[in-house]
Amino acid sequence: MFNVLITGLTSLLTDISTEMVYPLLPLYLTTALGASPAIVGVIEGLAESLASLLKVFSGAISDRLGRRKPLAIGGYGISALGKVFLVLATSWGWVLAGRLADRFGKGVRTAPRDAIIAEAAAVGQRGAAFGLHRLMDTLGASLGVVLAYYFLTGYRGDYRAVFLYSLIPAVLGVAVLFLVRERGSAGLQAKKISFNWRVLDPRLRSLLVVVFLFTLGNSSNQFLLLRAENLGFAPETVILLYLVYNLVYSLVSYPAGRLSDRIGRRTLLVLGYLAYGLVYLSFAVAKNPSAMWWLFPIYGLYIGFTEGVEKALVADIAPPEQKATLIGLHATIVGIGLLPASTLAGFLWDTFGPQAPFYFGGVAGMLASLGMWWILRPGITDYQHN
């Protein structure tokens, strides 16, 4: 579990940096730089799509090389450089460049890093391993939000000062990753990934279809922050709401991963997507600002129940010689839907009002919950075979 802890520490430091910046960006874009919610959607859609589209290729390269560490280090390094664009930003174009660089690095690093985690955990303990990693990752996110609040209030709304301080944990995260003990290919000869659906495991095909359809309604979290501001919250309080979300996410991730090892992935995934649907519908109908204080924690439950558990499920299905490739393919399928999802959310907000993207996302979450319930039904879910 040494490599799990090291990758977790790297993610903790990197997420301190990222979350010092992330909750401030929609507020910075709309208030300081004059961008519309539609522009916020385009920026996030492009950035997240780029990240996810790269993951399958970095995963495939990692499998071909039999190496994970160099790609992971390179990806984290590129993300750190992306923060520099935010410090220099004078228009939303600079923010776009910074987000593209940050997410490019994420696209390069994620599949190799997740393969390191999967290979460090014994079969039957992958849920716990990914859950522990998510715990450390989201603990970093929570610390990052606290620091964002501290610096934003301490520097009286100076966003650029927060962006500058975010560089410190980003650099430390890259340095820590050098401690990973590279195991090499362990005698495995990677095959080229095939995009022919018929050659993929039927279980993986079904999972990817459901995840992709759900992603079309799963817009950027920045719209949640804009919704809170829309209901009257000041930027400093929006940060605190985001902190509550991250704390719940942190507390749930590891127990959820361990529980999925014991009872299977199905129950947690179905409940997680159901929570997403309900909370998005609630964001749509909310009129009382106090509702945000319970909606953000419920949203944290959705992430905690699904993110690490879903990765563990893909790792269970994937053959050992293509583990990083298929983990990356899963992330890429998600990424294909992120650009239209966030762009559509921005369009719906500008055209029909702030409730519209949340009605759309709520329906998508409900359908995803039903889809997971069906494709992971008993008799189909004996995944732990490698």
Protein backbone atom coordinates (compact mmCIF):
# COMPACT_ATOMS: atom_id res chain seq x y z
CA MET A 1 0.00 0.00 0.00
CA PHE A 2 3.07 2.28 -0.02
CA ASN A 3 2.34 3.48 -3.56
CA VAL A 4 -1.29 4.09 -2.67
CA LEU A 5 -0.21 6.35 0.18
CA ILE A 6 2.33 8.21 -1.96
CA THR A 7 -0.12 8.80 -4.80
CA GLY A 8 -2.67 9.83 -2.19
CA LEU A 9 -0.25 12.36 -0.70
CA THR A 10 0.51 13.73 -4.17
CA SER A 11 -3.20 14.07 -4.85
CA LEU A 12 -3.72 15.69 -1.45
CA LEU A 13 -1.14 18.40 -2.20
CA THR A 14 -2.31 18.86 -5.78
CA ASP A 15 -5.93 19.19 -4.71
CA ILE A 16 -4.98 21.77 -2.10
CA SER A 17 -3.64 23.78 -5.03
CA THR A 18 -6.55 23.06 -7.37
CA GLU A 19 -9.29 23.75 -4.85
CA MET A 20 -7.67 27.01 -3.75
CA VAL A 21 -8.48 28.08 -7.31
CA TYR A 22 -11.49 26.10 -8.56
CA PRO A 23 -14.35 27.53 -6.44
CA LEU A 24 -13.14 31.06 -7.16
CA LEU A 25 -13.01 30.75 -10.95
CA PRO A 26 -16.73 31.12 -11.80
CA LEU A 27 -16.95 34.11 -9.46
CA TYR A 28 -13.72 35.60 -10.84
CA LEU A 29 -14.87 35.09 -14.42
CA THR A 30 -18.33 36.59 -13.98
CA THR A 31 -17.55 39.43 -11.56
CA ALA A 32 -13.92 40.47 -12.23
CA LEU A 33 -13.59 39.56 -15.93
CA GLY A 34 -17.17 40.09 -17.08
CA ALA A 35 -17.75 36.62 -18.56
CA SER A 36 -21.27 35.15 -18.85
CA PRO A 37 -22.39 31.75 -17.49
CA ALA A 38 -22.24 30.50 -21.09
CA ILE A 39 -18.52 31.37 -21.24
CA VAL A 40 -17.99 29.59 -17.91
CA GLY A 41 -19.64 26.51 -19.44
CA VAL A 42 -17.49 26.61 -22.57
CA ILE A 43 -14.27 26.98 -20.56
CA GLU A 44 -15.12 24.10 -18.23
CA GLY A 45 -16.43 21.92 -21.04
CA LEU A 46 -13.29 22.39 -23.13
CA ALA A 47 -10.96 21.92 -20.17
CA GLU A 48 -12.59 18.79 -18.75
CA SER A 49 -13.11 17.23 -22.17
CA LEU A 50 -9.43 17.72 -23.03
CA ALA A 51 -8.43 16.03 -19.78
CA SER A 52 -10.64 13.02 -20.30
CA LEU A 53 -9.90 12.58 -24.00
CA LEU A 54 -6.20 12.30 -23.20
CA LYS A 55 -6.62 9.67 -20.49
CA VAL A 56 -7.10 6.70 -22.81
CA PHE A 57 -3.97 7.61 -24.76
CA SER A 58 -1.81 8.12 -21.68
CA GLY A 59 -3.16 4.86 -20.30
CA ALA A 60 -2.34 3.02 -23.52
CA ILE A 61 1.17 4.52 -23.63
CA SER A 62 1.68 3.52 -20.00
CA ASP A 63 0.67 -0.06 -20.76
CA ARG A 64 2.89 -0.21 -23.84
CA LEU A 65 5.89 1.11 -21.93
CA GLY A 66 5.19 -0.92 -18.81
CA ARG A 67 5.86 2.32 -16.90
CA ARG A 68 3.46 4.52 -14.92
CA LYS A 69 5.62 6.93 -12.96
CA PRO A 70 7.13 9.17 -15.71
CA LEU A 71 3.74 9.98 -17.24
CA ALA A 72 2.21 10.64 -13.82
CA ILE A 73 5.03 13.03 -12.88
CA GLY A 74 4.84 14.82 -16.22
CA GLY A 75 1.08 15.27 -15.90
CA TYR A 76 1.26 16.72 -12.41
CA GLY A 77 4.04 19.06 -13.54
CA ILE A 78 1.99 20.43 -16.46
CA SER A 79 -0.95 21.07 -14.14
CA ALA A 80 1.30 23.06 -11.81
CA LEU A 81 2.40 25.25 -14.72
CA GLY A 82 -1.23 25.95 -15.58
CA LYS A 83 -1.63 27.98 -12.39
CA VAL A 84 0.80 30.55 -13.78
CA PHE A 85 -1.73 31.56 -16.45
CA LEU A 86 -4.28 32.33 -13.75
CA VAL A 87 -1.83 34.59 -11.94
CA LEU A 88 -1.27 36.50 -15.20
CA ALA A 89 -4.94 36.57 -16.28
CA THR A 90 -6.37 39.84 -17.60
CA SER A 91 -9.24 38.31 -19.60
CA TRP A 92 -11.19 35.05 -19.71
CA GLY A 93 -8.86 33.80 -22.46
CA TRP A 94 -6.03 33.54 -19.92
CA VAL A 95 -8.28 31.57 -17.60
CA LEU A 96 -9.12 29.24 -20.49
CA ALA A 97 -5.41 28.72 -21.15
CA GLY A 98 -4.76 28.01 -17.49
CA ARG A 99 -7.64 25.53 -17.24
CA LEU A 100 -6.56 23.80 -20.47
CA ALA A 101 -3.01 23.37 -19.15
CA ASP A 102 -4.26 22.15 -15.78
CA ARG A 103 -6.65 19.63 -17.34
CA PHE A 104 -4.08 18.57 -19.98
CA GLY A 105 -1.85 17.55 -17.11
CA LYS A 106 -4.73 15.74 -15.46
CA GLY A 107 -5.41 13.87 -18.68
CA VAL A 108 -1.80 12.72 -18.88
CA ARG A 109 -1.46 11.63 -15.26
CA THR A 110 -4.77 10.07 -14.25
CA ALA A 111 -4.77 6.67 -15.96
CA PRO A 112 -1.12 5.83 -15.08
CA ARG A 113 -1.69 6.97 -11.50
CA ASP A 114 -4.86 4.91 -11.16
CA ALA A 115 -3.02 1.91 -12.60
CA ILE A 116 -0.36 2.36 -9.89
CA ILE A 117 -3.13 2.24 -7.29
CA ALA A 118 -4.85 -0.80 -8.86
CA GLU A 119 -1.56 -2.72 -9.07
CA ALA A 120 -0.62 -1.86 -5.49
CA ALA A 121 -3.87 -3.34 -4.10
CA ALA A 122 -4.71 -7.00 -3.78
CA VAL A 123 -7.81 -8.34 -5.52
CA GLY A 124 -10.69 -7.84 -3.13
CA GLN A 125 -9.15 -4.65 -1.73
CA ARG A 126 -9.30 -2.35 -4.75
CA GLY A 127 -12.39 -0.54 -3.50
CA ALA A 128 -10.57 0.24 -0.26
CA ALA A 129 -7.43 1.35 -2.14
CA PHE A 130 -9.32 3.73 -4.43
CA GLY A 131 -11.44 4.87 -1.51
CA LEU A 132 -8.32 5.69 0.53
CA HIS A 133 -6.90 7.62 -2.40
CA ARG A 134 -10.14 9.55 -2.79
CA LEU A 135 -10.13 10.25 0.96
CA MET A 136 -6.67 11.81 0.77
CA ASP A 137 -7.51 13.61 -2.46
CA THR A 138 -10.66 15.18 -1.04
CA LEU A 139 -8.99 15.98 2.27
CA GLY A 140 -6.59 18.05 0.19
CA ALA A 141 -9.56 19.62 -1.56
CA SER A 142 -11.07 20.59 1.78
CA LEU A 143 -7.80 22.11 2.96
CA GLY A 144 -7.55 23.98 -0.34
CA VAL A 145 -11.00 25.49 0.11
CA VAL A 146 -10.10 26.57 3.66
CA LEU A 147 -6.94 28.24 2.36
CA ALA A 148 -8.92 29.90 -0.45
CA TYR A 149 -11.28 31.37 2.13
CA TYR A 150 -8.38 32.46 4.35
CA PHE A 151 -6.44 34.19 1.58
CA LEU A 152 -9.49 35.70 -0.14
CA THR A 153 -10.69 37.30 3.10
CA GLY A 154 -7.17 38.13 4.26
CA TYR A 155 -6.33 39.84 0.97
CA ARG A 156 -9.79 41.45 0.73
CA GLY A 157 -11.00 39.81 -2.44
CA ASP A 158 -7.66 39.71 -4.27
CA TYR A 159 -8.13 36.60 -6.40
CA ARG A 160 -4.66 36.83 -7.90
CA ALA A 161 -2.99 36.49 -4.50
CA VAL A 162 -4.85 33.21 -3.95
CA PHE A 163 -3.78 31.96 -7.39
CA LEU A 164 -0.16 32.78 -6.60
CA TYR A 165 -0.15 30.89 -3.30
CA SER A 166 -1.72 27.88 -5.00
CA LEU A 167 1.57 27.25 -6.81
CA ILE A 168 3.31 26.12 -3.61
CA PRO A 169 1.38 22.88 -2.91
CA ALA A 170 1.28 22.14 -6.66
CA VAL A 171 5.08 22.01 -6.82
CA LEU A 172 5.31 19.97 -3.59
CA GLY A 173 2.87 17.42 -5.03
CA VAL A 174 5.10 16.80 -8.04
CA ALA A 175 8.15 16.36 -5.78
CA VAL A 176 6.43 13.76 -3.58
CA LEU A 177 5.52 11.57 -6.57
CA PHE A 178 9.18 10.82 -7.21
CA LEU A 179 8.99 8.50 -4.16
CA VAL A 180 6.69 6.03 -5.98
CA ARG A 181 8.31 2.60 -6.34
CA GLU A 182 8.01 1.73 -10.02
CA ARG A 183 7.33 -1.98 -10.50
CA GLY A 184 7.58 -2.04 -14.28
CA SER A 185 5.46 -4.19 -16.54
CA ALA A 186 5.79 -7.34 -14.41
CA GLY A 187 6.20 -9.39 -17.57
CA LEU A 188 2.96 -8.23 -19.17
CA GLN A 189 2.90 -7.46 -22.89
CA ALA A 190 0.36 -4.76 -23.58
CA LYS A 191 -1.94 -5.00 -26.57
CA LYS A 192 -3.19 -2.13 -28.64
CA ILE A 193 -6.52 -0.81 -27.48
CA SER A 194 -9.33 -1.54 -29.91
CA PHE A 195 -12.24 0.84 -30.22
CA ASN A 196 -14.44 -1.85 -31.76
CA TRP A 197 -17.29 -2.24 -29.30
CA ARG A 198 -17.67 -5.91 -30.12
CA VAL A 199 -14.23 -6.79 -28.72
CA LEU A 200 -14.81 -5.06 -25.38
CA ASP A 201 -16.19 -6.93 -22.38
CA PRO A 202 -20.03 -6.69 -22.57
CA ARG A 203 -20.16 -5.53 -18.96
CA LEU A 204 -17.76 -2.70 -19.74
CA ARG A 205 -19.75 -1.71 -22.82
CA SER A 206 -22.96 -1.45 -20.79
CA LEU A 207 -21.24 0.54 -18.04
CA LEU A 208 -19.72 2.99 -20.51
CA VAL A 209 -23.05 3.59 -22.26
CA VAL A 210 -24.80 4.44 -18.99
CA VAL A 211 -21.94 6.64 -17.79
CA PHE A 212 -21.81 8.49 -21.11
CA LEU A 213 -25.54 9.21 -21.18
CA PHE A 214 -25.39 10.42 -17.58
CA THR A 215 -22.43 12.67 -18.35
CA LEU A 216 -24.50 14.61 -20.91
CA GLY A 217 -26.49 15.99 -17.96
CA ASN A 218 -23.56 16.24 -15.55
CA SER A 219 -22.31 19.79 -16.07
CA SER A 220 -19.38 21.38 -14.27
CA ASN A 221 -19.59 21.83 -10.49
CA GLN A 222 -19.02 25.52 -11.13
CA PHE A 223 -22.70 25.86 -11.99
CA LEU A 224 -23.52 24.76 -8.43
CA LEU A 225 -21.36 27.60 -7.16
CA LEU A 226 -23.00 30.06 -9.54
CA ARG A 227 -26.41 28.85 -8.36
CA ALA A 228 -25.46 29.58 -4.75
CA GLU A 229 -24.33 33.08 -5.76
CA ASN A 230 -27.57 33.45 -7.75
CA LEU A 231 -29.52 32.81 -4.53
CA GLY A 232 -27.68 35.61 -2.74
CA PHE A 233 -24.51 34.10 -1.23
CA ALA A 234 -21.36 36.23 -1.08
CA PRO A 235 -18.18 34.76 -2.62
CA GLU A 236 -16.73 33.96 0.81
CA THR A 237 -19.86 32.00 1.79
CA VAL A 238 -19.91 30.17 -1.55
CA ILE A 239 -16.44 28.91 -0.65
CA LEU A 240 -17.73 27.62 2.68
CA LEU A 241 -20.56 25.75 0.93
CA TYR A 242 -17.98 24.14 -1.31
CA LEU A 243 -15.96 23.22 1.78
CA VAL A 244 -18.97 21.40 3.27
CA TYR A 245 -19.33 19.43 0.03
CA ASN A 246 -15.66 18.43 0.09
CA LEU A 247 -15.75 17.40 3.75
CA VAL A 248 -18.68 15.06 3.14
CA TYR A 249 -16.98 13.71 0.03
CA SER A 250 -13.80 13.09 2.06
CA LEU A 251 -15.59 11.31 4.90
CA VAL A 252 -17.63 9.06 2.62
CA SER A 253 -15.06 7.98 -0.01
CA TYR A 254 -12.99 5.48 1.98
CA PRO A 255 -15.89 3.78 3.85
CA ALA A 256 -17.80 3.58 0.55
CA GLY A 257 -14.86 1.93 -1.18
CA ARG A 258 -14.43 -0.63 1.60
CA LEU A 259 -18.15 -1.29 1.70
CA SER A 260 -18.20 -1.91 -2.05
CA ASP A 261 -15.53 -4.61 -1.56
CA ARG A 262 -17.88 -6.38 0.84
CA ILE A 263 -21.33 -5.96 -0.68
CA GLY A 264 -20.47 -5.26 -4.34
CA ARG A 265 -20.37 -2.07 -6.37
CA ARG A 266 -24.03 -2.07 -7.46
CA THR A 267 -25.81 -0.71 -4.38
CA LEU A 268 -23.47 2.22 -3.90
CA LEU A 269 -23.50 3.22 -7.56
CA VAL A 270 -27.30 3.07 -7.77
CA LEU A 271 -27.69 5.11 -4.56
CA GLY A 272 -25.01 7.57 -5.65
CA TYR A 273 -26.63 8.38 -8.97
CA LEU A 274 -30.03 8.57 -7.28
CA ALA A 275 -28.61 11.13 -4.83
CA TYR A 276 -27.28 13.13 -7.77
CA GLY A 277 -30.68 13.22 -9.48
CA LEU A 278 -32.48 14.27 -6.33
CA VAL A 279 -30.02 16.96 -5.39
CA TYR A 280 -29.98 18.49 -8.88
CA LEU A 281 -33.77 18.66 -8.95
CA SER A 282 -33.61 20.31 -5.53
CA PHE A 283 -31.10 22.87 -6.83
CA ALA A 284 -33.63 23.66 -9.57
CA VAL A 285 -36.60 24.28 -7.25
CA ALA A 286 -34.71 25.86 -4.32
CA LYS A 287 -35.86 29.37 -3.42
CA ASN A 288 -34.65 29.62 0.17
CA PRO A 289 -30.86 30.18 0.33
CA SER A 290 -30.63 28.06 3.49
CA ALA A 291 -31.39 24.98 1.38
CA MET A 292 -27.85 25.20 0.00
CA TRP A 293 -26.46 24.09 3.36
CA TRP A 294 -27.99 20.63 2.98
CA LEU A 295 -27.89 20.32 -0.82
CA PHE A 296 -24.11 20.66 -1.04
CA PRO A 297 -23.49 17.83 1.51
CA ILE A 298 -25.94 15.52 -0.30
CA TYR A 299 -24.05 16.24 -3.51
CA GLY A 300 -20.89 15.17 -1.65
CA LEU A 301 -22.58 11.82 -0.92
CA TYR A 302 -23.10 11.27 -4.65
CA ILE A 303 -19.41 11.79 -5.41
CA GLY A 304 -18.28 9.69 -2.45
CA PHE A 305 -20.53 6.78 -3.40
CA THR A 306 -19.60 6.70 -7.08
CA GLU A 307 -16.18 8.05 -8.09
CA GLY A 308 -13.76 5.63 -6.43
CA VAL A 309 -16.23 2.73 -6.59
CA GLU A 310 -16.71 3.16 -10.34
CA LYS A 311 -12.94 3.17 -10.92
CA ALA A 312 -12.61 0.01 -8.84
CA LEU A 313 -15.33 -1.60 -10.96
CA VAL A 314 -13.46 -0.81 -14.19
CA ALA A 315 -10.23 -2.15 -12.66
CA ASP A 316 -12.07 -5.36 -11.72
CA ILE A 317 -13.26 -5.89 -15.29
CA ALA A 318 -10.05 -4.94 -17.11
CA PRO A 319 -7.47 -7.61 -18.01
CA PRO A 320 -4.10 -6.94 -16.32
CA GLU A 321 -2.24 -6.07 -19.54
CA GLN A 322 -4.75 -3.32 -20.41
CA LYS A 323 -5.66 -2.01 -16.99
CA ALA A 324 -4.41 1.57 -17.50
CA THR A 325 -5.80 1.63 -21.05
CA LEU A 326 -9.33 0.69 -19.99
CA ILE A 327 -9.27 2.95 -16.95
CA GLY A 328 -8.31 5.71 -19.37
CA LEU A 329 -10.99 4.64 -21.85
CA HIS A 330 -13.63 4.96 -19.11
CA ALA A 331 -12.41 8.48 -18.34
CA THR A 332 -12.35 9.35 -22.04
CA ILE A 333 -15.95 8.22 -22.53
CA VAL A 334 -16.87 10.49 -19.64
CA GLY A 335 -14.90 13.32 -21.24
CA ILE A 336 -16.70 13.06 -24.57
CA GLY A 337 -19.87 14.14 -22.79
CA LEU A 338 -18.34 16.92 -20.69
CA LEU A 339 -18.03 19.56 -23.41
CA PRO A 340 -21.66 19.38 -24.58
CA ALA A 341 -22.83 18.99 -20.96
CA SER A 342 -21.24 22.18 -19.64
CA THR A 343 -21.86 24.13 -22.86
CA LEU A 344 -25.52 23.07 -22.80
CA ALA A 345 -25.81 23.99 -19.12
CA GLY A 346 -24.50 27.48 -19.84
CA PHE A 347 -26.90 27.85 -22.77
CA LEU A 348 -29.86 26.65 -20.70
CA TRP A 349 -28.95 29.07 -17.89
CA ASP A 350 -28.65 32.06 -20.23
CA THR A 351 -31.77 31.17 -22.24
CA PHE A 352 -34.26 29.72 -19.75
CA GLY A 353 -32.91 30.78 -16.37
CA PRO A 354 -30.72 29.27 -13.63
CA GLN A 355 -33.17 26.43 -12.86
CA ALA A 356 -33.04 24.87 -16.33
CA PRO A 357 -29.64 23.09 -16.25
CA PHE A 358 -30.53 21.53 -12.90
CA TYR A 359 -33.84 20.12 -14.13
CA PHE A 360 -31.96 18.57 -17.05
CA GLY A 361 -29.20 17.15 -14.81
CA GLY A 362 -31.72 15.81 -12.30
CA VAL A 363 -33.50 13.75 -14.94
CA ALA A 364 -30.13 12.45 -16.22
CA GLY A 365 -29.19 11.33 -12.70
CA MET A 366 -32.46 9.45 -12.21
CA LEU A 367 -32.04 7.64 -15.52
CA ALA A 368 -28.41 6.76 -14.67
CA SER A 369 -29.52 5.26 -11.35
CA LEU A 370 -32.02 3.04 -13.16
CA GLY A 371 -29.39 2.13 -15.73
CA MET A 372 -26.87 1.06 -13.06
CA TRP A 373 -29.56 -0.94 -11.27
CA TRP A 374 -30.25 -2.84 -14.50
CA ILE A 375 -26.76 -3.50 -15.89
CA LEU A 376 -25.32 -4.51 -12.49
CA ARG A 377 -28.20 -6.80 -11.58
CA PRO A 378 -27.41 -10.13 -9.83
CA GLY A 379 -25.81 -12.65 -12.13
CA ILE A 380 -24.00 -9.94 -14.12
CA THR A 381 -21.70 -8.55 -11.43
CA ASP A 382 -19.08 -11.21 -10.78
CA TYR A 383 -16.28 -8.84 -11.68
CA GLN A 384 -13.36 -9.68 -9.47
CA HIS A 385 -11.60 -12.14 -11.72
CA ASN A 386 -8.14 -10.63 -12.24
